[in-house]
Amino acid sequence: MKIKLLGAALLVAIGLSTAAQAEEYNFDIKGQHAFIEFKIKHLGYSWLLGSFRTFDGKFSYDEAHPANNKVSVSIDTASLETNHAERNKHLRSGDFFDVEHFPTATFTSTSYKATGKDTGIIHGTLYLHGVSKDIDIEVSQIGTGPDPWGGYRRGFEGHTTLHLSDYNMKKGGMLGPLAENVEIFLSIEGVKQ
């Protein structure tokens, strides 16, 4: 009985030790060192570029145990910006993001797989336009270290492609019939907590 209790205590201690190694970071929203950008074809002739200006998130990073890495993000869909007022209005409408009924998009990771020393794939669930769908985001660590203000930072970039039809958004309209695939680029700098 004592051996079983000792073994259980050891497993708990190992689990706590592993959890303690994960570093917690908040997105640097205040300093605006975090970006969510996208591009989609316009009429099949060129790229339409845009971004979401208002969002927040956090991530956990465990160098010794990468499987513990995780991230969560919340996006204000009405903050969509494409540098053109009428296009913004159209993309925020019921044809696309329908921000009145779906004001928030979220991503919550469910697993992480390392593909190299500073690269990996984050698997998780994206909730967008009333639809929850599993997606993969390829990520690369850009750098890490102390900042000039006494803090510690870690930065990543990520890439994924979404399909409008997966989220019940209409193709066409102002973007043309070839507007289906949306390439997403993320540049995230986190401040260690």
N, C-alpha and C. Protein backbone atom coordinates (compact mmCIF):
# COMPACT_ATOMS: atom_id res chain seq x y z
N MET A 1 0.82 -1.20 0.00
CA MET A 1 0.00 0.00 0.00
C MET A 1 0.86 1.26 0.00
N LYS A 2 1.94 1.25 0.83
CA LYS A 2 2.83 2.40 0.89
C LYS A 2 3.53 2.63 -0.44
N ILE A 3 3.87 1.52 -1.13
CA ILE A 3 4.54 1.63 -2.43
C ILE A 3 3.60 2.28 -3.45
N LYS A 4 2.31 1.87 -3.42
CA LYS A 4 1.33 2.45 -4.34
C LYS A 4 1.16 3.95 -4.08
N LEU A 5 1.07 4.32 -2.80
CA LEU A 5 0.91 5.73 -2.45
C LEU A 5 2.14 6.54 -2.86
N LEU A 6 3.32 5.95 -2.64
CA LEU A 6 4.56 6.61 -3.02
C LEU A 6 4.62 6.79 -4.55
N GLY A 7 4.21 5.75 -5.28
CA GLY A 7 4.19 5.82 -6.75
C GLY A 7 3.21 6.88 -7.22
N ALA A 8 2.03 6.94 -6.61
CA ALA A 8 1.03 7.94 -6.99
C ALA A 8 1.54 9.34 -6.71
N ALA A 9 2.18 9.52 -5.56
CA ALA A 9 2.73 10.83 -5.21
C ALA A 9 3.81 11.25 -6.19
N LEU A 10 4.63 10.27 -6.61
CA LEU A 10 5.69 10.55 -7.56
C LEU A 10 5.12 10.98 -8.92
N LEU A 11 4.06 10.31 -9.36
CA LEU A 11 3.42 10.66 -10.63
C LEU A 11 2.83 12.07 -10.57
N VAL A 12 2.20 12.40 -9.44
CA VAL A 12 1.64 13.74 -9.27
C VAL A 12 2.76 14.78 -9.30
N ALA A 13 3.87 14.48 -8.61
CA ALA A 13 5.00 15.41 -8.57
C ALA A 13 5.58 15.62 -9.96
N ILE A 14 5.70 14.54 -10.73
CA ILE A 14 6.21 14.64 -12.09
C ILE A 14 5.26 15.48 -12.94
N GLY A 15 3.98 15.24 -12.77
CA GLY A 15 2.97 16.00 -13.53
C GLY A 15 3.03 17.47 -13.20
N LEU A 16 3.17 17.81 -11.90
CA LEU A 16 3.27 19.20 -11.49
C LEU A 16 4.55 19.83 -12.02
N SER A 17 5.63 19.06 -12.00
CA SER A 17 6.91 19.55 -12.50
C SER A 17 6.82 19.87 -13.99
N THR A 18 6.17 18.99 -14.75
CA THR A 18 6.01 19.20 -16.19
C THR A 18 5.17 20.43 -16.46
N ALA A 19 4.05 20.57 -15.69
CA ALA A 19 3.17 21.72 -15.88
C ALA A 19 3.91 23.01 -15.54
N ALA A 20 4.76 22.96 -14.53
CA ALA A 20 5.46 24.16 -14.08
C ALA A 20 6.47 24.64 -15.12
N GLN A 21 6.91 23.77 -16.03
CA GLN A 21 7.90 24.15 -17.02
C GLN A 21 7.29 24.96 -18.16
N ALA A 22 5.99 24.90 -18.33
CA ALA A 22 5.34 25.66 -19.39
C ALA A 22 5.36 27.14 -19.04
N GLU A 23 5.79 27.97 -19.98
CA GLU A 23 5.79 29.41 -19.79
C GLU A 23 4.49 29.98 -20.34
N GLU A 24 3.92 30.94 -19.63
CA GLU A 24 2.65 31.54 -20.04
C GLU A 24 2.92 32.93 -20.63
N TYR A 25 2.31 33.21 -21.79
CA TYR A 25 2.50 34.48 -22.49
C TYR A 25 1.15 35.08 -22.86
N ASN A 26 1.05 36.39 -22.80
CA ASN A 26 -0.09 37.13 -23.34
C ASN A 26 0.35 37.83 -24.61
N PHE A 27 -0.52 37.87 -25.62
CA PHE A 27 -0.22 38.61 -26.84
C PHE A 27 0.09 40.06 -26.48
N ASP A 28 1.09 40.65 -27.13
CA ASP A 28 1.41 42.06 -26.90
C ASP A 28 0.47 42.92 -27.73
N ILE A 29 -0.75 43.07 -27.22
CA ILE A 29 -1.76 43.87 -27.89
C ILE A 29 -1.52 45.36 -27.62
N LYS A 30 -1.16 45.66 -26.38
CA LYS A 30 -0.95 47.06 -25.99
C LYS A 30 0.14 47.71 -26.84
N GLY A 31 1.23 47.00 -27.06
CA GLY A 31 2.32 47.53 -27.88
C GLY A 31 2.12 47.31 -29.37
N GLN A 32 1.01 46.66 -29.72
CA GLN A 32 0.67 46.33 -31.11
C GLN A 32 1.80 45.58 -31.81
N HIS A 33 2.23 44.49 -31.15
CA HIS A 33 3.21 43.59 -31.76
C HIS A 33 2.58 42.24 -32.05
N ALA A 34 1.33 42.29 -32.49
CA ALA A 34 0.60 41.08 -32.88
C ALA A 34 -0.31 41.46 -34.05
N PHE A 35 -0.32 40.58 -35.07
CA PHE A 35 -1.08 40.89 -36.29
C PHE A 35 -1.77 39.63 -36.80
N ILE A 36 -3.02 39.81 -37.25
CA ILE A 36 -3.75 38.75 -37.96
C ILE A 36 -4.13 39.34 -39.31
N GLU A 37 -3.52 38.83 -40.37
CA GLU A 37 -3.73 39.37 -41.70
C GLU A 37 -4.21 38.27 -42.65
N PHE A 38 -4.84 38.68 -43.73
CA PHE A 38 -5.34 37.70 -44.70
C PHE A 38 -5.21 38.25 -46.11
N LYS A 39 -5.25 37.32 -47.08
CA LYS A 39 -5.34 37.73 -48.48
C LYS A 39 -6.24 36.76 -49.21
N ILE A 40 -6.97 37.30 -50.16
CA ILE A 40 -7.91 36.51 -50.95
C ILE A 40 -7.91 37.10 -52.37
N LYS A 41 -8.12 36.26 -53.37
CA LYS A 41 -8.06 36.75 -54.74
C LYS A 41 -9.25 37.67 -55.05
N HIS A 42 -8.95 38.72 -55.80
CA HIS A 42 -9.99 39.62 -56.28
C HIS A 42 -10.18 39.40 -57.78
N LEU A 43 -11.32 38.83 -58.13
CA LEU A 43 -11.67 38.53 -59.52
C LEU A 43 -10.68 37.58 -60.20
N GLY A 44 -9.80 36.99 -59.40
CA GLY A 44 -8.79 36.11 -59.96
C GLY A 44 -7.61 36.85 -60.57
N TYR A 45 -7.61 38.21 -60.45
CA TYR A 45 -6.59 39.03 -61.10
C TYR A 45 -5.49 39.50 -60.15
N SER A 46 -5.84 39.67 -58.86
CA SER A 46 -4.88 40.22 -57.91
C SER A 46 -5.27 39.77 -56.50
N TRP A 47 -4.48 40.18 -55.54
CA TRP A 47 -4.76 39.84 -54.14
C TRP A 47 -5.42 41.02 -53.43
N LEU A 48 -6.45 40.71 -52.67
CA LEU A 48 -7.05 41.66 -51.75
C LEU A 48 -6.45 41.38 -50.38
N LEU A 49 -5.88 42.40 -49.75
CA LEU A 49 -5.24 42.23 -48.46
C LEU A 49 -6.08 42.86 -47.37
N GLY A 50 -6.08 42.26 -46.19
CA GLY A 50 -6.83 42.79 -45.07
C GLY A 50 -6.29 42.29 -43.75
N SER A 51 -6.89 42.77 -42.68
CA SER A 51 -6.46 42.36 -41.35
C SER A 51 -7.61 42.52 -40.37
N PHE A 52 -7.43 41.95 -39.20
CA PHE A 52 -8.33 42.18 -38.07
C PHE A 52 -7.57 43.03 -37.08
N ARG A 53 -8.15 44.16 -36.71
CA ARG A 53 -7.44 45.13 -35.87
C ARG A 53 -7.62 44.87 -34.38
N THR A 54 -8.71 44.19 -34.00
CA THR A 54 -8.99 44.00 -32.58
C THR A 54 -9.11 42.52 -32.26
N PHE A 55 -8.19 42.04 -31.43
CA PHE A 55 -8.19 40.64 -31.01
C PHE A 55 -7.33 40.52 -29.76
N ASP A 56 -7.38 39.36 -29.14
CA ASP A 56 -6.57 39.11 -27.95
C ASP A 56 -6.27 37.62 -27.88
N GLY A 57 -5.26 37.28 -27.13
CA GLY A 57 -4.93 35.87 -27.01
C GLY A 57 -3.80 35.62 -26.04
N LYS A 58 -3.54 34.36 -25.83
CA LYS A 58 -2.46 33.93 -24.95
C LYS A 58 -1.96 32.57 -25.42
N PHE A 59 -0.73 32.23 -25.00
CA PHE A 59 -0.21 30.92 -25.34
C PHE A 59 0.70 30.40 -24.24
N SER A 60 0.82 29.08 -24.20
CA SER A 60 1.74 28.39 -23.29
C SER A 60 2.83 27.77 -24.13
N TYR A 61 4.07 27.89 -23.64
CA TYR A 61 5.20 27.33 -24.38
C TYR A 61 6.04 26.49 -23.44
N ASP A 62 6.27 25.25 -23.83
CA ASP A 62 7.06 24.31 -23.03
C ASP A 62 8.15 23.73 -23.92
N GLU A 63 9.34 24.28 -23.79
CA GLU A 63 10.44 23.86 -24.67
C GLU A 63 10.80 22.39 -24.48
N ALA A 64 10.76 21.92 -23.22
CA ALA A 64 11.13 20.53 -22.93
C ALA A 64 10.06 19.53 -23.36
N HIS A 65 8.81 19.97 -23.34
CA HIS A 65 7.68 19.09 -23.68
C HIS A 65 6.76 19.81 -24.65
N PRO A 66 7.12 19.89 -25.94
CA PRO A 66 6.36 20.66 -26.92
C PRO A 66 4.89 20.28 -27.02
N ALA A 67 4.55 19.04 -26.68
CA ALA A 67 3.15 18.63 -26.76
C ALA A 67 2.27 19.44 -25.81
N ASN A 68 2.89 20.11 -24.82
CA ASN A 68 2.13 20.95 -23.89
C ASN A 68 1.84 22.34 -24.44
N ASN A 69 2.42 22.69 -25.59
CA ASN A 69 2.20 24.02 -26.16
C ASN A 69 0.73 24.18 -26.53
N LYS A 70 0.20 25.37 -26.26
CA LYS A 70 -1.20 25.63 -26.60
C LYS A 70 -1.42 27.13 -26.80
N VAL A 71 -2.52 27.46 -27.47
CA VAL A 71 -2.83 28.86 -27.76
C VAL A 71 -4.34 29.04 -27.83
N SER A 72 -4.80 30.23 -27.46
CA SER A 72 -6.21 30.58 -27.63
C SER A 72 -6.28 32.04 -28.09
N VAL A 73 -7.21 32.30 -29.02
CA VAL A 73 -7.34 33.62 -29.63
C VAL A 73 -8.82 33.97 -29.74
N SER A 74 -9.14 35.24 -29.50
CA SER A 74 -10.50 35.75 -29.68
C SER A 74 -10.41 36.98 -30.58
N ILE A 75 -11.23 37.00 -31.65
CA ILE A 75 -11.16 38.07 -32.65
C ILE A 75 -12.49 38.79 -32.75
N ASP A 76 -12.44 40.11 -32.75
CA ASP A 76 -13.61 40.95 -33.00
C ASP A 76 -13.78 41.04 -34.51
N THR A 77 -14.77 40.35 -35.06
CA THR A 77 -14.91 40.28 -36.52
C THR A 77 -15.24 41.63 -37.14
N ALA A 78 -15.87 42.53 -36.38
CA ALA A 78 -16.19 43.86 -36.91
C ALA A 78 -14.94 44.71 -37.10
N SER A 79 -13.81 44.27 -36.56
CA SER A 79 -12.56 45.03 -36.70
C SER A 79 -11.87 44.75 -38.03
N LEU A 80 -12.51 43.98 -38.90
CA LEU A 80 -11.96 43.68 -40.22
C LEU A 80 -11.67 44.98 -40.97
N GLU A 81 -10.49 45.06 -41.58
CA GLU A 81 -10.08 46.27 -42.29
C GLU A 81 -9.37 45.90 -43.59
N THR A 82 -9.86 46.47 -44.72
CA THR A 82 -9.24 46.23 -46.02
C THR A 82 -8.86 47.53 -46.72
N ASN A 83 -8.88 48.64 -45.98
CA ASN A 83 -8.49 49.94 -46.52
C ASN A 83 -9.46 50.46 -47.58
N HIS A 84 -10.75 50.05 -47.45
CA HIS A 84 -11.78 50.52 -48.39
C HIS A 84 -13.13 50.38 -47.68
N ALA A 85 -13.77 51.52 -47.39
CA ALA A 85 -14.97 51.53 -46.55
C ALA A 85 -16.11 50.68 -47.10
N GLU A 86 -16.39 50.78 -48.39
CA GLU A 86 -17.50 50.02 -48.96
C GLU A 86 -17.21 48.51 -48.94
N ARG A 87 -15.98 48.14 -49.22
CA ARG A 87 -15.62 46.73 -49.18
C ARG A 87 -15.69 46.20 -47.74
N ASN A 88 -15.22 47.00 -46.79
CA ASN A 88 -15.32 46.59 -45.38
C ASN A 88 -16.78 46.32 -45.01
N LYS A 89 -17.65 47.23 -45.43
CA LYS A 89 -19.08 47.09 -45.14
C LYS A 89 -19.63 45.80 -45.74
N HIS A 90 -19.24 45.50 -46.99
CA HIS A 90 -19.70 44.28 -47.63
C HIS A 90 -19.19 43.04 -46.92
N LEU A 91 -17.91 43.02 -46.57
CA LEU A 91 -17.34 41.85 -45.90
C LEU A 91 -17.91 41.65 -44.49
N ARG A 92 -18.33 42.73 -43.86
CA ARG A 92 -18.94 42.62 -42.52
C ARG A 92 -20.42 42.24 -42.59
N SER A 93 -20.98 42.26 -43.79
CA SER A 93 -22.41 42.01 -43.97
C SER A 93 -22.74 40.51 -43.89
N GLY A 94 -24.02 40.21 -44.08
CA GLY A 94 -24.49 38.83 -44.05
C GLY A 94 -23.93 37.96 -45.17
N ASP A 95 -23.39 38.58 -46.22
CA ASP A 95 -22.79 37.81 -47.31
C ASP A 95 -21.52 37.10 -46.86
N PHE A 96 -20.83 37.69 -45.88
CA PHE A 96 -19.56 37.11 -45.45
C PHE A 96 -19.54 36.91 -43.93
N PHE A 97 -18.96 37.82 -43.18
CA PHE A 97 -18.75 37.59 -41.75
C PHE A 97 -20.00 37.79 -40.90
N ASP A 98 -20.98 38.54 -41.38
CA ASP A 98 -22.23 38.78 -40.65
C ASP A 98 -21.93 39.14 -39.20
N VAL A 99 -21.20 40.24 -39.03
CA VAL A 99 -20.67 40.60 -37.70
C VAL A 99 -21.78 40.92 -36.70
N GLU A 100 -22.96 41.30 -37.19
CA GLU A 100 -24.06 41.59 -36.27
C GLU A 100 -24.47 40.33 -35.51
N HIS A 101 -24.51 39.19 -36.21
CA HIS A 101 -24.92 37.94 -35.57
C HIS A 101 -23.74 37.12 -35.04
N PHE A 102 -22.57 37.34 -35.60
CA PHE A 102 -21.38 36.57 -35.19
C PHE A 102 -20.22 37.55 -34.93
N PRO A 103 -20.31 38.26 -33.81
CA PRO A 103 -19.32 39.32 -33.54
C PRO A 103 -17.93 38.82 -33.15
N THR A 104 -17.83 37.54 -32.81
CA THR A 104 -16.55 37.02 -32.33
C THR A 104 -16.19 35.72 -33.05
N ALA A 105 -14.93 35.63 -33.43
CA ALA A 105 -14.36 34.37 -33.93
C ALA A 105 -13.32 33.93 -32.91
N THR A 106 -13.21 32.61 -32.69
CA THR A 106 -12.24 32.11 -31.71
C THR A 106 -11.46 30.94 -32.29
N PHE A 107 -10.24 30.80 -31.80
CA PHE A 107 -9.44 29.62 -32.10
C PHE A 107 -8.89 29.10 -30.78
N THR A 108 -9.07 27.79 -30.55
CA THR A 108 -8.55 27.13 -29.36
C THR A 108 -7.80 25.88 -29.79
N SER A 109 -6.53 25.82 -29.45
CA SER A 109 -5.74 24.66 -29.87
C SER A 109 -6.12 23.43 -29.07
N THR A 110 -5.97 22.28 -29.71
CA THR A 110 -6.24 21.00 -29.04
C THR A 110 -4.99 20.12 -28.99
N SER A 111 -4.00 20.42 -29.84
CA SER A 111 -2.75 19.66 -29.80
C SER A 111 -1.66 20.42 -30.55
N TYR A 112 -0.43 20.03 -30.29
CA TYR A 112 0.71 20.64 -30.97
C TYR A 112 1.69 19.53 -31.34
N LYS A 113 2.17 19.56 -32.58
CA LYS A 113 3.16 18.59 -33.04
C LYS A 113 4.38 19.32 -33.56
N ALA A 114 5.53 19.07 -32.93
CA ALA A 114 6.77 19.69 -33.38
C ALA A 114 7.20 19.05 -34.70
N THR A 115 7.65 19.89 -35.63
CA THR A 115 8.18 19.39 -36.91
C THR A 115 9.66 19.71 -37.05
N GLY A 116 10.20 20.45 -36.12
CA GLY A 116 11.61 20.84 -36.10
C GLY A 116 11.90 21.53 -34.78
N LYS A 117 13.11 22.04 -34.63
CA LYS A 117 13.49 22.69 -33.37
C LYS A 117 12.58 23.87 -33.06
N ASP A 118 12.29 24.70 -34.06
CA ASP A 118 11.48 25.90 -33.85
C ASP A 118 10.24 25.94 -34.73
N THR A 119 9.81 24.78 -35.21
CA THR A 119 8.63 24.73 -36.07
C THR A 119 7.66 23.66 -35.59
N GLY A 120 6.41 23.83 -35.96
CA GLY A 120 5.42 22.83 -35.57
C GLY A 120 4.08 23.10 -36.21
N ILE A 121 3.12 22.27 -35.88
CA ILE A 121 1.75 22.41 -36.38
C ILE A 121 0.81 22.44 -35.18
N ILE A 122 0.05 23.52 -35.09
CA ILE A 122 -0.97 23.64 -34.05
C ILE A 122 -2.29 23.16 -34.64
N HIS A 123 -2.88 22.18 -34.00
CA HIS A 123 -4.20 21.69 -34.40
C HIS A 123 -5.21 22.25 -33.41
N GLY A 124 -6.36 22.71 -33.91
CA GLY A 124 -7.36 23.25 -33.00
C GLY A 124 -8.66 23.52 -33.70
N THR A 125 -9.57 24.15 -32.97
CA THR A 125 -10.92 24.41 -33.47
C THR A 125 -11.11 25.91 -33.69
N LEU A 126 -11.46 26.25 -34.92
CA LEU A 126 -11.80 27.63 -35.26
C LEU A 126 -13.32 27.76 -35.28
N TYR A 127 -13.83 28.71 -34.51
CA TYR A 127 -15.26 29.03 -34.54
C TYR A 127 -15.40 30.33 -35.32
N LEU A 128 -16.09 30.28 -36.45
CA LEU A 128 -16.23 31.43 -37.33
C LEU A 128 -17.58 31.38 -38.03
N HIS A 129 -18.31 32.47 -37.99
CA HIS A 129 -19.59 32.58 -38.71
C HIS A 129 -20.55 31.47 -38.30
N GLY A 130 -20.53 31.11 -37.00
CA GLY A 130 -21.44 30.11 -36.49
C GLY A 130 -21.03 28.68 -36.75
N VAL A 131 -19.84 28.47 -37.30
CA VAL A 131 -19.36 27.13 -37.65
C VAL A 131 -18.08 26.83 -36.87
N SER A 132 -18.00 25.65 -36.28
CA SER A 132 -16.78 25.18 -35.62
C SER A 132 -16.12 24.15 -36.52
N LYS A 133 -14.86 24.36 -36.83
CA LYS A 133 -14.16 23.45 -37.73
C LYS A 133 -12.71 23.30 -37.26
N ASP A 134 -12.20 22.06 -37.33
CA ASP A 134 -10.80 21.81 -36.97
C ASP A 134 -9.89 22.26 -38.10
N ILE A 135 -8.83 22.98 -37.72
CA ILE A 135 -7.85 23.45 -38.71
C ILE A 135 -6.44 23.22 -38.17
N ASP A 136 -5.46 23.29 -39.05
CA ASP A 136 -4.05 23.22 -38.68
C ASP A 136 -3.39 24.55 -39.04
N ILE A 137 -2.51 25.01 -38.15
CA ILE A 137 -1.73 26.21 -38.41
C ILE A 137 -0.25 25.85 -38.33
N GLU A 138 0.47 26.09 -39.40
CA GLU A 138 1.92 25.86 -39.38
C GLU A 138 2.58 27.06 -38.71
N VAL A 139 3.41 26.78 -37.69
CA VAL A 139 4.03 27.86 -36.93
C VAL A 139 5.55 27.74 -36.92
N SER A 140 6.21 28.89 -36.84
CA SER A 140 7.66 28.96 -36.72
C SER A 140 8.00 29.99 -35.65
N GLN A 141 8.93 29.63 -34.77
CA GLN A 141 9.37 30.60 -33.77
C GLN A 141 10.37 31.55 -34.44
N ILE A 142 10.13 32.86 -34.29
CA ILE A 142 10.99 33.86 -34.88
C ILE A 142 12.16 34.19 -33.95
N GLY A 143 11.86 34.30 -32.66
CA GLY A 143 12.91 34.62 -31.71
C GLY A 143 12.37 34.72 -30.30
N THR A 144 13.27 34.78 -29.34
CA THR A 144 12.89 34.88 -27.94
C THR A 144 14.01 35.53 -27.15
N GLY A 145 13.64 36.23 -26.05
CA GLY A 145 14.66 36.84 -25.22
C GLY A 145 14.10 38.00 -24.42
N PRO A 146 14.97 38.64 -23.63
CA PRO A 146 14.54 39.77 -22.81
C PRO A 146 14.24 41.00 -23.66
N ASP A 147 13.35 41.86 -23.15
CA ASP A 147 13.06 43.11 -23.84
C ASP A 147 13.67 44.28 -23.05
N PRO A 148 13.65 45.49 -23.61
CA PRO A 148 14.28 46.64 -22.94
C PRO A 148 13.56 47.11 -21.68
N TRP A 149 12.38 46.56 -21.38
CA TRP A 149 11.57 47.04 -20.26
C TRP A 149 11.55 46.05 -19.09
N GLY A 150 12.48 45.10 -19.11
CA GLY A 150 12.58 44.15 -18.00
C GLY A 150 11.71 42.92 -18.15
N GLY A 151 11.07 42.77 -19.29
CA GLY A 151 10.22 41.60 -19.53
C GLY A 151 10.94 40.57 -20.40
N TYR A 152 10.19 39.55 -20.75
CA TYR A 152 10.73 38.49 -21.61
C TYR A 152 9.69 38.19 -22.67
N ARG A 153 10.14 38.03 -23.92
CA ARG A 153 9.21 37.87 -25.03
C ARG A 153 9.54 36.66 -25.88
N ARG A 154 8.52 36.19 -26.59
CA ARG A 154 8.69 35.08 -27.53
C ARG A 154 7.77 35.35 -28.71
N GLY A 155 8.31 35.22 -29.93
CA GLY A 155 7.52 35.57 -31.11
C GLY A 155 7.42 34.44 -32.11
N PHE A 156 6.26 34.33 -32.77
CA PHE A 156 5.97 33.29 -33.74
C PHE A 156 5.27 33.88 -34.95
N GLU A 157 5.39 33.16 -36.07
CA GLU A 157 4.52 33.44 -37.21
C GLU A 157 3.77 32.16 -37.54
N GLY A 158 2.58 32.33 -38.12
CA GLY A 158 1.77 31.18 -38.47
C GLY A 158 1.09 31.37 -39.81
N HIS A 159 0.80 30.25 -40.48
CA HIS A 159 0.16 30.28 -41.79
C HIS A 159 -0.90 29.18 -41.86
N THR A 160 -2.04 29.51 -42.44
CA THR A 160 -3.04 28.51 -42.74
C THR A 160 -3.92 29.02 -43.88
N THR A 161 -4.71 28.14 -44.48
CA THR A 161 -5.64 28.54 -45.54
C THR A 161 -7.04 28.10 -45.14
N LEU A 162 -7.97 29.03 -45.21
CA LEU A 162 -9.37 28.74 -44.92
C LEU A 162 -10.16 28.77 -46.23
N HIS A 163 -11.30 28.11 -46.22
CA HIS A 163 -12.17 28.05 -47.39
C HIS A 163 -13.53 28.64 -47.00
N LEU A 164 -13.95 29.69 -47.71
CA LEU A 164 -15.19 30.38 -47.35
C LEU A 164 -16.38 29.43 -47.26
N SER A 165 -16.46 28.47 -48.17
CA SER A 165 -17.62 27.57 -48.17
C SER A 165 -17.68 26.70 -46.92
N ASP A 166 -16.53 26.46 -46.27
CA ASP A 166 -16.53 25.68 -45.02
C ASP A 166 -17.27 26.41 -43.91
N TYR A 167 -17.36 27.73 -44.03
CA TYR A 167 -17.98 28.55 -42.97
C TYR A 167 -19.27 29.21 -43.46
N ASN A 168 -19.87 28.60 -44.47
CA ASN A 168 -21.16 29.07 -45.00
C ASN A 168 -21.12 30.53 -45.44
N MET A 169 -19.99 30.94 -46.01
CA MET A 169 -19.90 32.28 -46.57
C MET A 169 -20.06 32.19 -48.08
N LYS A 170 -20.67 33.20 -48.65
CA LYS A 170 -20.94 33.20 -50.09
C LYS A 170 -19.69 33.59 -50.87
N LYS A 171 -19.44 32.85 -51.93
CA LYS A 171 -18.39 33.26 -52.86
C LYS A 171 -18.96 34.31 -53.80
N GLY A 172 -18.08 35.04 -54.44
CA GLY A 172 -18.52 35.97 -55.46
C GLY A 172 -18.75 37.36 -54.93
N GLY A 173 -19.79 37.98 -55.48
CA GLY A 173 -20.05 39.36 -55.09
C GLY A 173 -18.90 40.25 -55.51
N MET A 174 -18.53 41.16 -54.65
CA MET A 174 -17.49 42.14 -54.92
C MET A 174 -16.12 41.49 -55.18
N LEU A 175 -15.92 40.26 -54.67
CA LEU A 175 -14.62 39.60 -54.80
C LEU A 175 -14.51 38.74 -56.05
N GLY A 176 -15.63 38.42 -56.65
CA GLY A 176 -15.60 37.58 -57.85
C GLY A 176 -15.78 36.11 -57.52
N PRO A 177 -16.12 35.29 -58.53
CA PRO A 177 -16.45 33.87 -58.31
C PRO A 177 -15.27 33.01 -57.88
N LEU A 178 -14.04 33.49 -58.01
CA LEU A 178 -12.88 32.69 -57.63
C LEU A 178 -12.48 32.90 -56.17
N ALA A 179 -13.21 33.74 -55.45
CA ALA A 179 -12.87 34.04 -54.06
C ALA A 179 -13.37 32.93 -53.14
N GLU A 180 -12.54 31.96 -52.89
CA GLU A 180 -12.90 30.83 -52.03
C GLU A 180 -11.83 30.57 -50.98
N ASN A 181 -10.57 30.63 -51.38
CA ASN A 181 -9.47 30.33 -50.46
C ASN A 181 -8.91 31.60 -49.85
N VAL A 182 -8.84 31.62 -48.54
CA VAL A 182 -8.33 32.78 -47.80
C VAL A 182 -7.04 32.37 -47.11
N GLU A 183 -5.94 33.01 -47.47
CA GLU A 183 -4.66 32.71 -46.84
C GLU A 183 -4.50 33.60 -45.61
N ILE A 184 -4.22 32.97 -44.48
CA ILE A 184 -4.09 33.68 -43.20
C ILE A 184 -2.63 33.73 -42.79
N PHE A 185 -2.18 34.90 -42.36
CA PHE A 185 -0.83 35.07 -41.83
C PHE A 185 -0.93 35.68 -40.44
N LEU A 186 -0.25 35.07 -39.47
CA LEU A 186 -0.23 35.58 -38.10
C LEU A 186 1.19 35.90 -37.70
N SER A 187 1.37 37.04 -37.06
CA SER A 187 2.66 37.39 -36.46
C SER A 187 2.35 37.76 -35.02
N ILE A 188 2.80 36.92 -34.10
CA ILE A 188 2.41 37.06 -32.69
C ILE A 188 3.64 37.18 -31.80
N GLU A 189 3.69 38.27 -31.05
CA GLU A 189 4.73 38.45 -30.05
C GLU A 189 4.05 38.39 -28.69
N GLY A 190 4.53 37.48 -27.84
CA GLY A 190 3.94 37.31 -26.52
C GLY A 190 4.86 37.81 -25.42
N VAL A 191 4.27 38.35 -24.36
CA VAL A 191 5.01 38.82 -23.20
C VAL A 191 4.82 37.81 -22.08
N LYS A 192 5.92 37.30 -21.56
CA LYS A 192 5.87 36.28 -20.50
C LYS A 192 5.23 36.85 -19.24
N GLN A 193 4.35 36.05 -18.65
CA GLN A 193 3.64 36.48 -17.44
C GLN A 193 4.35 36.02 -16.18
